[in-house]
Amino acid sequence: MLRKIRIFLAVVMFICVTGLFLDISGNLHHWLSWMPKVQFLPALLALNFIIVGALLLLTLIFGRIYCSVICPLGVMQDLLARLNRKRNKYSYSKAVSWLRYTMLGVMVVAFVAGIGSLFALLAPYSSFGRIATHLLQPLWIFGNNALASVAESADSYAFYHVDAWMRGLPTFVIALVTFVVIGILAWKHGRTYCNTICPVGTLLGFFARFSWFKVVFDEGKCRDCSMCSKNCKAACIDYKSHSVDYSRCVACGNCLEKCKFGALKYAHKAVKKQEVGKSETEETVISVDTGKRSFLLATALATTAAIAQEGKKVDGKLADIEDKVAPKRQTPITPPGSRSASNMAKRCTACQLCVSECPNQVLRPSVGLMTLMQPEMSYERGYCRPECNRCSEVCPTGAIQHIGEDEKSSIQIGHAVWVKKNCVAVTDKVECGNCARHCPVGAIEMVPLDENDEDTPFIPSVNVERCIGCGACENLCPARPLSAIYVEGHEVHREV
């Protein structure tokens, strides 16, 4: 019963979290944006001590339920492990403690030192986010586009085409390597990654040693058949010594199901008082009623959950449209709500949820060494619309703090800069004014290049104090490949 409840909750959690990253409609975040916020590291970085406390309490009661139910990377490993159909494929192995605590120490040092790229590499939820965004979402989009083509042929528009594009090659490579490494480890050895590399698993494993409910042996019933060890994906059960390494046990329930002699129980281990006629104190196992255990487990998980609560480019077949090229910005642009580049670097785990959820295709992972994979803005494919605040709604860590639509229109994340040599009004002697017409805050005015010449072209003049850096001018500028006007980022955002 325990195993069935765990699998049901894990599947629901996994599907919902994955759906957030795959969602191309932009609707799921209204209902499911709380799920990333109950992940351990995002909650810790967001200073959400209620969630962190609830997860630690859950661990102290039930063991590492978090790893087998809530963490999407942990559930993904279980799914990959099931692809290996070999029966009784696992065996007990000693914990590689030096590696586990070294990886935990590296993550702590990376966090304190502000090395966001290294911190992001080790964060389990972020690793899954990169896999979902850069590997699974393109496949999802291709499937959607195939259905859209079929629907269009039948004069139906139940589906619509969505662009699939490479958001960042370095991040894609990291996501691919991560998936391959974790996939091989899970397929061959089960939870090796969780119990040797993952810092969150190591930290929760420390608390799991003291959990109230544990998998315990009834040595009188054990026949040393070794089925528990052969089916323990955490490699933490030593049937020979009748012991369990609780720091690695993820309370999956596989061993309970495989034991045919009832020698294993998920129970609380207590010391029984000395009885009459006995000279020594006996240690006994108090069994827990299955129905009550299931109810407690479901209630704990439900409580944790309740806490958080272009279209196509059409050129008429007359000429090819040259793609825009990103300008070299002296200061990268961070999303509205991030407050500053420093706040983004310290609190972002590079989970890619904001990147996958951005409807305007403005966010993409950074290629900078210290901020590798963290989101930054560029306007080759769209601009940051003043009415859109989705990235601030889905960010689980507070790296992008929630902002309202009215507040966003007053946040200056950068300012526009005009480049004379790229402007078609100067180079081609034509009237344009596209940037001024589409500026949502009226920060651009067209002025004559030479006030003494009646035939002089009109060029944009930017009111830097009024510009919010949304990138509408840069994106809609007809100059190719480099826009004649682009946005330079600000280290610290301010209100205008």
Protein backbone atom coordinates (compact mmCIF):
# COMPACT_ATOMS: atom_id res chain seq x y z
CA MET A 1 0.00 0.00 0.00
CA LEU A 2 2.84 2.40 0.87
CA ARG A 3 4.48 1.82 -2.50
CA LYS A 4 1.25 2.39 -4.44
CA ILE A 5 0.56 5.68 -2.67
CA ARG A 6 4.12 6.83 -3.25
CA ILE A 7 4.01 5.98 -6.95
CA PHE A 8 0.65 7.72 -7.41
CA LEU A 9 1.82 10.93 -5.71
CA ALA A 10 5.18 10.84 -7.51
CA VAL A 11 3.54 10.43 -10.92
CA VAL A 12 1.13 13.30 -10.28
CA MET A 13 3.94 15.57 -9.07
CA PHE A 14 6.22 14.63 -11.97
CA ILE A 15 3.57 15.16 -14.64
CA CYS A 16 2.56 18.53 -13.25
CA VAL A 17 6.10 19.88 -12.85
CA THR A 18 7.11 18.59 -16.29
CA GLY A 19 3.96 20.10 -17.74
CA LEU A 20 5.03 23.52 -16.48
CA PHE A 21 8.24 23.32 -18.50
CA LEU A 22 6.51 21.92 -21.60
CA ASP A 23 3.50 24.25 -21.51
CA ILE A 24 3.22 26.28 -24.71
CA SER A 25 -0.26 27.61 -24.01
CA GLY A 26 0.81 29.69 -21.01
CA ASN A 27 -2.12 28.53 -18.88
CA LEU A 28 -0.67 25.92 -16.54
CA HIS A 29 1.32 28.37 -14.44
CA HIS A 30 -1.93 29.83 -13.09
CA TRP A 31 -2.63 26.51 -11.40
CA LEU A 32 0.75 24.86 -10.89
CA SER A 33 3.29 27.61 -10.27
CA TRP A 34 3.35 26.63 -6.57
CA MET A 35 4.94 23.26 -7.34
CA PRO A 36 8.46 24.53 -8.08
CA LYS A 37 8.24 26.59 -4.90
CA VAL A 38 8.05 23.45 -2.73
CA GLN A 39 11.36 22.18 -4.11
CA PHE A 40 14.01 22.28 -1.39
CA LEU A 41 16.73 24.52 -2.85
CA PRO A 42 14.34 27.03 -4.47
CA ALA A 43 12.49 27.33 -1.15
CA LEU A 44 15.79 27.79 0.68
CA LEU A 45 16.97 30.52 -1.71
CA ALA A 46 13.58 32.22 -1.50
CA LEU A 47 14.00 32.22 2.31
CA ASN A 48 10.68 30.42 2.54
CA PHE A 49 11.33 28.87 5.92
CA ILE A 50 7.80 27.48 6.13
CA ILE A 51 8.41 25.24 3.13
CA VAL A 52 11.94 24.34 4.23
CA GLY A 53 10.70 23.52 7.72
CA ALA A 54 7.83 21.43 6.33
CA LEU A 55 10.21 19.43 4.13
CA LEU A 56 12.60 18.81 7.01
CA LEU A 57 9.70 17.80 9.25
CA LEU A 58 8.46 15.46 6.53
CA THR A 59 11.93 13.92 6.41
CA LEU A 60 12.16 13.56 10.18
CA ILE A 61 8.85 11.71 10.19
CA PHE A 62 8.88 9.59 7.03
CA GLY A 63 12.49 9.63 5.81
CA ARG A 64 13.53 10.83 2.37
CA ILE A 65 10.01 10.93 0.92
CA TYR A 66 11.00 14.21 -0.74
CA CYS A 67 13.48 12.42 -3.01
CA SER A 68 11.03 9.75 -4.15
CA VAL A 69 7.87 11.88 -4.48
CA ILE A 70 8.52 15.63 -4.73
CA CYS A 71 11.88 15.94 -6.52
CA PRO A 72 11.30 15.56 -10.30
CA LEU A 73 14.90 14.48 -10.91
CA GLY A 74 14.48 11.68 -8.39
CA VAL A 75 11.26 10.49 -10.03
CA MET A 76 12.92 10.71 -13.45
CA GLN A 77 15.65 8.35 -12.23
CA ASP A 78 13.01 5.85 -11.14
CA LEU A 79 11.41 6.01 -14.59
CA LEU A 80 14.76 5.48 -16.31
CA ALA A 81 15.61 2.63 -13.95
CA ARG A 82 12.40 0.85 -14.95
CA LEU A 83 13.61 0.70 -18.54
CA ASN A 84 16.07 -1.95 -17.39
CA ARG A 85 13.85 -5.01 -17.27
CA LYS A 86 16.42 -7.21 -15.58
CA ARG A 87 15.00 -8.72 -12.38
CA ASN A 88 16.74 -8.43 -9.03
CA LYS A 89 19.35 -6.14 -10.56
CA TYR A 90 20.64 -4.25 -7.51
CA SER A 91 22.95 -5.12 -4.62
CA TYR A 92 24.10 -3.54 -1.39
CA SER A 93 27.10 -1.21 -1.51
CA LYS A 94 28.70 0.97 1.11
CA ALA A 95 28.06 4.69 1.04
CA VAL A 96 30.72 6.80 -0.65
CA SER A 97 30.60 9.32 2.18
CA TRP A 98 33.68 11.29 1.18
CA LEU A 99 32.18 12.07 -2.24
CA ARG A 100 28.74 12.85 -0.86
CA TYR A 101 29.96 15.39 1.65
CA THR A 102 32.52 16.82 -0.76
CA MET A 103 29.75 17.62 -3.24
CA LEU A 104 27.67 19.16 -0.46
CA GLY A 105 30.66 21.26 0.59
CA VAL A 106 31.30 22.37 -2.99
CA MET A 107 27.70 23.55 -3.29
CA VAL A 108 27.89 25.50 -0.04
CA VAL A 109 31.17 27.14 -1.08
CA ALA A 110 29.73 27.97 -4.51
CA PHE A 111 26.71 29.59 -2.89
CA VAL A 112 28.77 31.64 -0.43
CA ALA A 113 31.25 32.67 -3.13
CA GLY A 114 28.45 33.61 -5.54
CA ILE A 115 29.52 31.16 -8.23
CA GLY A 116 26.04 30.68 -9.62
CA SER A 117 27.09 28.47 -12.53
CA LEU A 118 28.66 25.84 -10.26
CA PHE A 119 25.74 26.01 -7.83
CA ALA A 120 23.29 25.51 -10.71
CA LEU A 121 25.17 22.46 -11.99
CA LEU A 122 24.63 20.65 -8.68
CA ALA A 123 21.03 21.70 -7.97
CA PRO A 124 18.77 18.68 -8.70
CA TYR A 125 15.58 20.59 -9.55
CA SER A 126 17.55 22.88 -11.85
CA SER A 127 19.16 19.92 -13.60
CA PHE A 128 15.73 18.51 -14.33
CA GLY A 129 14.52 21.93 -15.50
CA ARG A 130 17.31 22.16 -18.05
CA ILE A 131 16.54 18.65 -19.31
CA ALA A 132 12.84 19.45 -19.62
CA THR A 133 13.38 22.83 -21.31
CA HIS A 134 16.16 22.00 -23.75
CA LEU A 135 15.51 18.32 -24.50
CA LEU A 136 11.85 17.53 -23.83
CA GLN A 137 10.17 20.80 -24.80
CA PRO A 138 11.51 20.78 -28.40
CA LEU A 139 10.15 17.24 -28.83
CA TRP A 140 6.83 18.38 -27.40
CA ILE A 141 6.75 21.33 -29.82
CA PHE A 142 7.56 19.12 -32.81
CA GLY A 143 4.69 16.84 -31.85
CA ASN A 144 2.39 19.83 -31.44
CA ASN A 145 3.41 21.21 -34.84
CA ALA A 146 2.75 17.84 -36.48
CA LEU A 147 -0.75 17.83 -35.01
CA ALA A 148 -1.19 21.45 -36.13
CA SER A 149 -0.30 20.49 -39.72
CA VAL A 150 -2.79 17.64 -39.67
CA ALA A 151 -5.46 19.87 -38.16
CA GLU A 152 -4.88 22.61 -40.74
CA SER A 153 -5.33 20.13 -43.57
CA ALA A 154 -8.76 19.41 -42.09
CA ASP A 155 -9.56 23.13 -41.74
CA SER A 156 -9.26 22.92 -37.97
CA TYR A 157 -7.26 25.22 -35.75
CA ALA A 158 -7.40 23.24 -32.55
CA PHE A 159 -3.58 23.33 -32.62
CA TYR A 160 -1.23 26.07 -33.79
CA HIS A 161 2.41 26.08 -34.85
CA VAL A 162 5.05 27.11 -32.33
CA ASP A 163 8.68 27.92 -33.11
CA ALA A 164 11.30 25.56 -31.75
CA TRP A 165 14.67 27.28 -31.44
CA MET A 166 18.04 26.85 -29.81
CA ARG A 167 18.01 29.05 -26.72
CA GLY A 168 21.63 28.45 -25.82
CA LEU A 169 24.12 25.88 -27.09
CA PRO A 170 26.22 25.59 -23.88
CA THR A 171 23.11 25.01 -21.77
CA PHE A 172 21.78 22.49 -24.27
CA VAL A 173 25.05 20.55 -24.13
CA ILE A 174 25.06 20.61 -20.33
CA ALA A 175 21.45 19.38 -20.25
CA LEU A 176 22.25 16.58 -22.69
CA VAL A 177 25.35 15.44 -20.80
CA THR A 178 23.45 15.57 -17.51
CA PHE A 179 20.63 13.45 -18.92
CA VAL A 180 23.02 10.88 -20.39
CA VAL A 181 25.08 10.56 -17.20
CA ILE A 182 22.07 10.35 -14.89
CA GLY A 183 20.29 8.03 -17.33
CA ILE A 184 23.16 5.55 -17.45
CA LEU A 185 23.59 5.60 -13.68
CA ALA A 186 19.86 5.13 -13.10
CA TRP A 187 19.54 2.36 -15.70
CA LYS A 188 22.45 0.39 -14.26
CA HIS A 189 22.50 1.26 -10.57
CA GLY A 190 19.25 3.02 -9.62
CA ARG A 191 19.70 5.94 -7.24
CA THR A 192 23.48 6.30 -7.51
CA TYR A 193 23.26 9.97 -8.50
CA CYS A 194 20.93 10.78 -5.59
CA ASN A 195 23.16 9.08 -3.05
CA THR A 196 26.62 10.09 -4.22
CA ILE A 197 26.39 13.42 -6.03
CA CYS A 198 23.15 15.24 -5.19
CA PRO A 199 23.79 17.69 -2.31
CA VAL A 200 20.10 17.87 -1.42
CA GLY A 201 19.99 14.09 -1.07
CA THR A 202 23.03 14.19 1.21
CA LEU A 203 21.56 16.96 3.38
CA LEU A 204 18.17 15.28 3.72
CA GLY A 205 19.93 11.96 4.29
CA PHE A 206 21.51 13.38 7.43
CA PHE A 207 18.05 14.15 8.85
CA ALA A 208 16.61 10.87 7.58
CA ARG A 209 18.89 8.98 9.98
CA PHE A 210 16.64 10.23 12.76
CA SER A 211 13.29 9.71 11.00
CA TRP A 212 10.40 8.39 13.09
CA PHE A 213 9.31 5.76 10.55
CA LYS A 214 11.94 3.54 8.99
CA VAL A 215 12.30 0.26 7.13
CA VAL A 216 13.27 -2.21 9.86
CA PHE A 217 14.05 -5.92 10.00
CA ASP A 218 12.20 -8.56 11.98
CA GLU A 219 15.20 -10.87 12.26
CA GLY A 220 13.05 -13.76 13.47
CA LYS A 221 11.21 -13.84 10.15
CA CYS A 222 14.14 -13.08 7.81
CA ARG A 223 15.31 -16.03 5.70
CA ASP A 224 18.33 -14.22 4.21
CA CYS A 225 16.87 -14.59 0.72
CA SER A 226 18.49 -11.26 -0.30
CA MET A 227 15.42 -10.14 -2.30
CA CYS A 228 15.34 -6.86 -0.38
CA SER A 229 18.92 -5.99 -1.32
CA LYS A 230 18.42 -7.07 -4.93
CA ASN A 231 15.44 -4.75 -5.31
CA CYS A 232 16.74 -1.74 -3.36
CA LYS A 233 17.52 0.95 -5.95
CA ALA A 234 19.32 2.96 -3.26
CA ALA A 235 21.70 0.03 -2.56
CA CYS A 236 21.23 0.71 1.15
CA ILE A 237 19.96 -2.65 2.52
CA ASP A 238 22.51 -5.18 3.80
CA TYR A 239 20.50 -8.35 4.30
CA LYS A 240 23.48 -10.18 5.79
CA SER A 241 23.69 -7.85 8.79
CA HIS A 242 19.98 -6.99 8.72
CA SER A 243 20.77 -3.28 8.51
CA VAL A 244 19.56 -0.33 6.46
CA ASP A 245 21.51 2.84 5.70
CA TYR A 246 18.74 5.32 6.41
CA SER A 247 20.73 8.24 5.02
CA ARG A 248 20.34 6.69 1.57
CA CYS A 249 16.92 5.05 1.86
CA VAL A 250 14.27 7.00 -0.10
CA ALA A 251 11.31 5.11 1.41
CA CYS A 252 10.20 3.79 -1.97
CA GLY A 253 8.60 0.63 -0.53
CA ASN A 254 10.11 -1.77 -3.07
CA CYS A 255 11.73 -3.92 -0.41
CA LEU A 256 8.47 -4.22 1.55
CA GLU A 257 6.69 -5.53 -1.52
CA LYS A 258 9.40 -8.01 -2.47
CA CYS A 259 9.80 -9.58 0.99
CA LYS A 260 7.66 -12.73 1.00
CA PHE A 261 8.22 -13.51 4.67
CA GLY A 262 7.08 -10.25 6.22
CA ALA A 263 10.55 -9.64 7.62
CA LEU A 264 10.54 -5.96 6.67
CA LYS A 265 8.23 -3.32 8.07
CA TYR A 266 7.89 0.42 7.74
CA ALA A 267 7.67 1.15 11.42
CA HIS A 268 8.96 3.03 14.42
CA LYS A 269 11.79 1.35 16.27
CA ALA A 270 11.45 1.70 20.04
CA VAL A 271 12.92 0.22 23.18
CA LYS A 272 10.57 -1.94 25.18
CA LYS A 273 10.77 -1.81 28.96
CA GLN A 274 12.27 -4.78 30.79
CA GLU A 275 9.68 -7.49 31.36
CA VAL A 276 9.34 -9.82 34.38
CA GLY A 277 11.62 -12.83 34.05
CA LYS A 278 14.03 -11.13 31.68
CA SER A 279 17.41 -9.84 32.72
CA GLU A 280 18.10 -7.52 29.79
CA THR A 281 16.20 -4.81 28.00
CA GLU A 282 14.67 -5.98 24.70
CA GLU A 283 14.44 -3.96 21.56
CA THR A 284 11.20 -4.53 19.72
CA VAL A 285 9.56 -3.27 16.61
CA ILE A 286 6.20 -1.56 16.85
CA SER A 287 4.33 -2.09 13.60
CA VAL A 288 2.32 0.73 12.14
CA ASP A 289 -1.14 0.13 10.79
CA THR A 290 -0.97 0.33 7.00
CA GLY A 291 -4.13 2.39 6.68
CA LYS A 292 -2.96 4.94 9.25
CA ARG A 293 0.50 5.10 7.70
CA SER A 294 -0.98 5.75 4.26
CA PHE A 295 -3.26 8.42 5.68
CA LEU A 296 -0.37 10.14 7.48
CA LEU A 297 1.82 10.07 4.39
CA ALA A 298 -0.88 11.46 2.13
CA THR A 299 -1.79 14.12 4.70
CA ALA A 300 1.83 15.24 5.12
CA LEU A 301 2.36 15.59 1.39
CA ALA A 302 -0.96 17.34 0.90
CA THR A 303 -0.08 19.77 3.70
CA THR A 304 3.26 20.55 2.09
CA ALA A 305 1.53 21.22 -1.21
CA ALA A 306 -1.12 23.42 0.40
CA ILE A 307 1.49 25.64 1.99
CA ALA A 308 2.77 26.98 -1.24
CA GLN A 309 -0.04 27.31 -3.15
CA GLU A 310 4.61 34.27 -33.75
CA GLY A 311 3.62 33.49 -35.63
CA LYS A 312 5.51 32.57 -38.78
CA LYS A 313 7.75 35.04 -40.62
CA VAL A 314 6.03 35.70 -43.93
CA ASP A 315 8.07 37.30 -46.69
CA GLY A 316 5.68 36.70 -49.58
CA LYS A 317 8.34 34.50 -51.21
CA LEU A 318 9.90 37.65 -52.62
CA ALA A 319 13.11 37.70 -50.59
CA ASP A 320 14.69 36.00 -47.65
CA ILE A 321 14.45 37.79 -44.33
CA GLU A 322 17.84 37.96 -42.66
CA ASP A 323 17.79 36.99 -39.00
CA LYS A 324 18.75 39.56 -36.44
CA VAL A 325 22.04 39.24 -34.57
CA ALA A 326 22.36 40.10 -30.91
CA PRO A 327 24.46 43.20 -30.27
CA LYS A 328 27.44 43.15 -27.93
CA ARG A 329 26.08 44.63 -24.74
CA GLN A 330 28.47 45.98 -22.14
CA THR A 331 25.97 45.04 -19.41
CA PRO A 332 23.63 42.04 -19.78
CA ILE A 333 19.92 42.70 -19.27
CA THR A 334 18.23 40.83 -16.43
CA PRO A 335 14.43 40.43 -16.29
CA PRO A 336 12.14 42.97 -14.60
CA GLY A 337 11.69 41.89 -11.00
CA SER A 338 15.25 40.65 -10.63
CA ARG A 339 16.09 44.06 -9.12
CA SER A 340 19.78 43.80 -9.97
CA ALA A 341 22.35 41.61 -11.66
CA SER A 342 23.74 40.82 -8.22
CA ASN A 343 20.40 39.54 -6.90
CA MET A 344 19.96 37.40 -9.99
CA ALA A 345 23.44 35.89 -9.69
CA LYS A 346 23.02 35.04 -6.00
CA ARG A 347 19.51 33.56 -6.03
CA CYS A 348 19.00 32.04 -9.46
CA THR A 349 19.47 28.25 -9.78
CA ALA A 350 19.21 28.33 -13.59
CA CYS A 351 16.24 25.97 -13.62
CA GLN A 352 15.12 27.46 -16.97
CA LEU A 353 11.45 27.68 -15.96
CA CYS A 354 11.29 31.38 -16.79
CA VAL A 355 13.06 30.69 -20.10
CA SER A 356 10.59 27.99 -21.09
CA GLU A 357 7.59 30.06 -19.94
CA CYS A 358 8.55 33.34 -21.67
CA PRO A 359 5.85 33.85 -24.34
CA ASN A 360 7.86 36.50 -26.18
CA GLN A 361 11.05 34.41 -26.56
CA VAL A 362 13.07 37.14 -24.89
CA LEU A 363 14.77 35.10 -22.18
CA ARG A 364 17.64 32.78 -22.93
CA PRO A 365 20.44 31.24 -20.80
CA SER A 366 23.57 33.26 -20.28
CA VAL A 367 26.91 32.10 -21.67
CA GLY A 368 28.95 34.06 -19.14
CA LEU A 369 31.21 31.92 -16.97
CA MET A 370 30.02 33.21 -13.59
CA THR A 371 26.34 33.38 -14.59
CA LEU A 372 26.28 30.39 -16.95
CA MET A 373 22.73 29.19 -17.70
CA GLN A 374 21.06 31.98 -15.72
CA PRO A 375 18.47 33.95 -17.74
CA GLU A 376 19.27 37.12 -19.55
CA MET A 377 17.31 39.10 -22.11
CA SER A 378 17.84 39.66 -25.82
CA TYR A 379 15.42 40.93 -28.42
CA GLU A 380 16.11 39.15 -31.70
CA ARG A 381 12.87 37.15 -31.56
CA GLY A 382 10.57 39.45 -29.58
CA TYR A 383 10.45 42.12 -26.93
CA CYS A 384 9.43 42.26 -23.28
CA ARG A 385 5.79 43.34 -23.41
CA PRO A 386 4.79 45.66 -20.55
CA GLU A 387 1.64 43.63 -19.83
CA CYS A 388 3.53 40.33 -19.38
CA ASN A 389 4.87 39.33 -15.96
CA ARG A 390 4.93 35.55 -16.33
CA CYS A 391 8.60 35.07 -15.43
CA SER A 392 8.02 36.79 -12.09
CA GLU A 393 5.01 34.55 -11.45
CA VAL A 394 6.83 31.26 -11.99
CA CYS A 395 10.27 31.97 -10.47
CA PRO A 396 10.51 29.76 -7.35
CA THR A 397 13.58 31.32 -5.74
CA GLY A 398 12.91 35.06 -5.66
CA ALA A 399 15.64 35.73 -8.21
CA ILE A 400 12.80 37.32 -10.18
CA GLN A 401 10.45 38.79 -7.60
CA HIS A 402 6.76 38.98 -8.37
CA ILE A 403 5.70 42.28 -9.94
CA GLY A 404 2.34 43.50 -11.15
CA GLU A 405 1.67 44.75 -14.67
CA ASP A 406 1.45 48.37 -13.52
CA GLU A 407 4.69 48.10 -11.58
CA LYS A 408 6.52 46.53 -14.50
CA SER A 409 5.87 49.51 -16.78
CA SER A 410 7.80 51.70 -14.37
CA ILE A 411 10.88 49.48 -13.92
CA GLN A 412 13.91 50.50 -15.96
CA ILE A 413 16.06 47.46 -16.74
CA GLY A 414 18.13 49.28 -19.37
CA HIS A 415 18.02 52.09 -21.90
CA ALA A 416 18.01 52.32 -25.69
CA VAL A 417 21.09 53.40 -27.63
CA TRP A 418 20.97 54.59 -31.27
CA VAL A 419 23.65 53.46 -33.72
CA LYS A 420 23.88 55.87 -36.65
CA LYS A 421 25.73 53.60 -39.06
CA ASN A 422 22.97 50.96 -38.93
CA CYS A 423 19.94 53.26 -39.29
CA VAL A 424 18.09 52.91 -42.62
CA ALA A 425 16.99 56.55 -42.39
CA VAL A 426 20.66 57.52 -42.74
CA THR A 427 22.05 54.73 -44.91
CA ASP A 428 19.10 54.39 -47.33
CA LYS A 429 17.66 57.90 -47.05
CA VAL A 430 14.16 56.63 -46.27
CA GLU A 431 11.55 57.58 -43.71
CA CYS A 432 11.22 55.05 -40.91
CA GLY A 433 10.34 55.96 -37.34
CA ASN A 434 9.43 52.37 -36.51
CA CYS A 435 11.13 52.58 -33.11
CA ALA A 436 9.25 55.75 -32.12
CA ARG A 437 5.87 54.41 -33.24
CA HIS A 438 6.16 51.21 -31.25
CA CYS A 439 7.75 52.50 -28.04
CA PRO A 440 5.17 51.65 -25.35
CA VAL A 441 6.28 54.45 -23.01
CA GLY A 442 6.87 57.19 -25.57
CA ALA A 443 10.58 57.47 -24.80
CA ILE A 444 11.64 57.90 -28.46
CA GLU A 445 11.06 61.02 -30.57
CA MET A 446 11.99 61.49 -34.22
CA VAL A 447 14.16 64.58 -34.76
CA PRO A 448 15.99 65.94 -37.82
CA LEU A 449 19.57 64.80 -38.24
CA ASP A 450 20.59 68.28 -39.44
CA GLU A 451 18.33 71.13 -38.36
CA ASN A 452 19.74 73.39 -41.10
CA ASP A 453 18.95 70.97 -43.95
CA GLU A 454 15.33 70.69 -45.12
CA ASP A 455 15.99 67.30 -46.75
CA THR A 456 17.70 65.83 -43.75
CA PRO A 457 16.37 62.44 -42.54
CA PHE A 458 14.59 62.13 -39.21
CA ILE A 459 16.36 59.99 -36.65
CA PRO A 460 15.36 58.66 -33.21
CA SER A 461 16.20 60.59 -30.05
CA VAL A 462 15.96 58.58 -26.86
CA ASN A 463 14.76 60.00 -23.56
CA VAL A 464 16.98 57.87 -21.33
CA GLU A 465 15.10 58.88 -18.18
CA ARG A 466 11.82 57.59 -19.61
CA CYS A 467 13.02 54.46 -21.43
CA ILE A 468 12.38 51.18 -19.56
CA GLY A 469 14.52 48.92 -21.78
CA CYS A 470 11.68 46.69 -23.02
CA GLY A 471 13.39 46.18 -26.39
CA ALA A 472 10.43 46.98 -28.64
CA CYS A 473 12.57 49.40 -30.62
CA GLU A 474 15.41 46.92 -31.01
CA ASN A 475 13.15 44.05 -32.04
CA LEU A 476 11.04 46.02 -34.52
CA CYS A 477 13.89 47.96 -36.12
CA PRO A 478 14.02 46.98 -39.82
CA ALA A 479 17.82 47.14 -39.99
CA ARG A 480 19.52 43.77 -40.48
CA PRO A 481 21.45 41.94 -39.14
CA LEU A 482 22.18 44.47 -36.36
CA SER A 483 19.44 46.81 -35.23
CA ALA A 484 20.08 50.53 -35.45
CA ILE A 485 18.82 50.88 -31.91
CA TYR A 486 19.54 48.45 -29.09
CA VAL A 487 19.15 48.20 -25.32
CA GLU A 488 22.07 48.46 -22.91
CA GLY A 489 21.42 46.79 -19.57
CA HIS A 490 21.60 48.29 -16.08
CA GLU A 491 23.39 46.60 -13.20
CA VAL A 492 20.74 47.86 -10.80
CA HIS A 493 17.15 48.45 -11.88
CA ARG A 494 15.31 51.61 -10.93
CA GLU A 495 11.82 53.04 -11.18
CA VAL A 496 11.07 55.75 -13.74
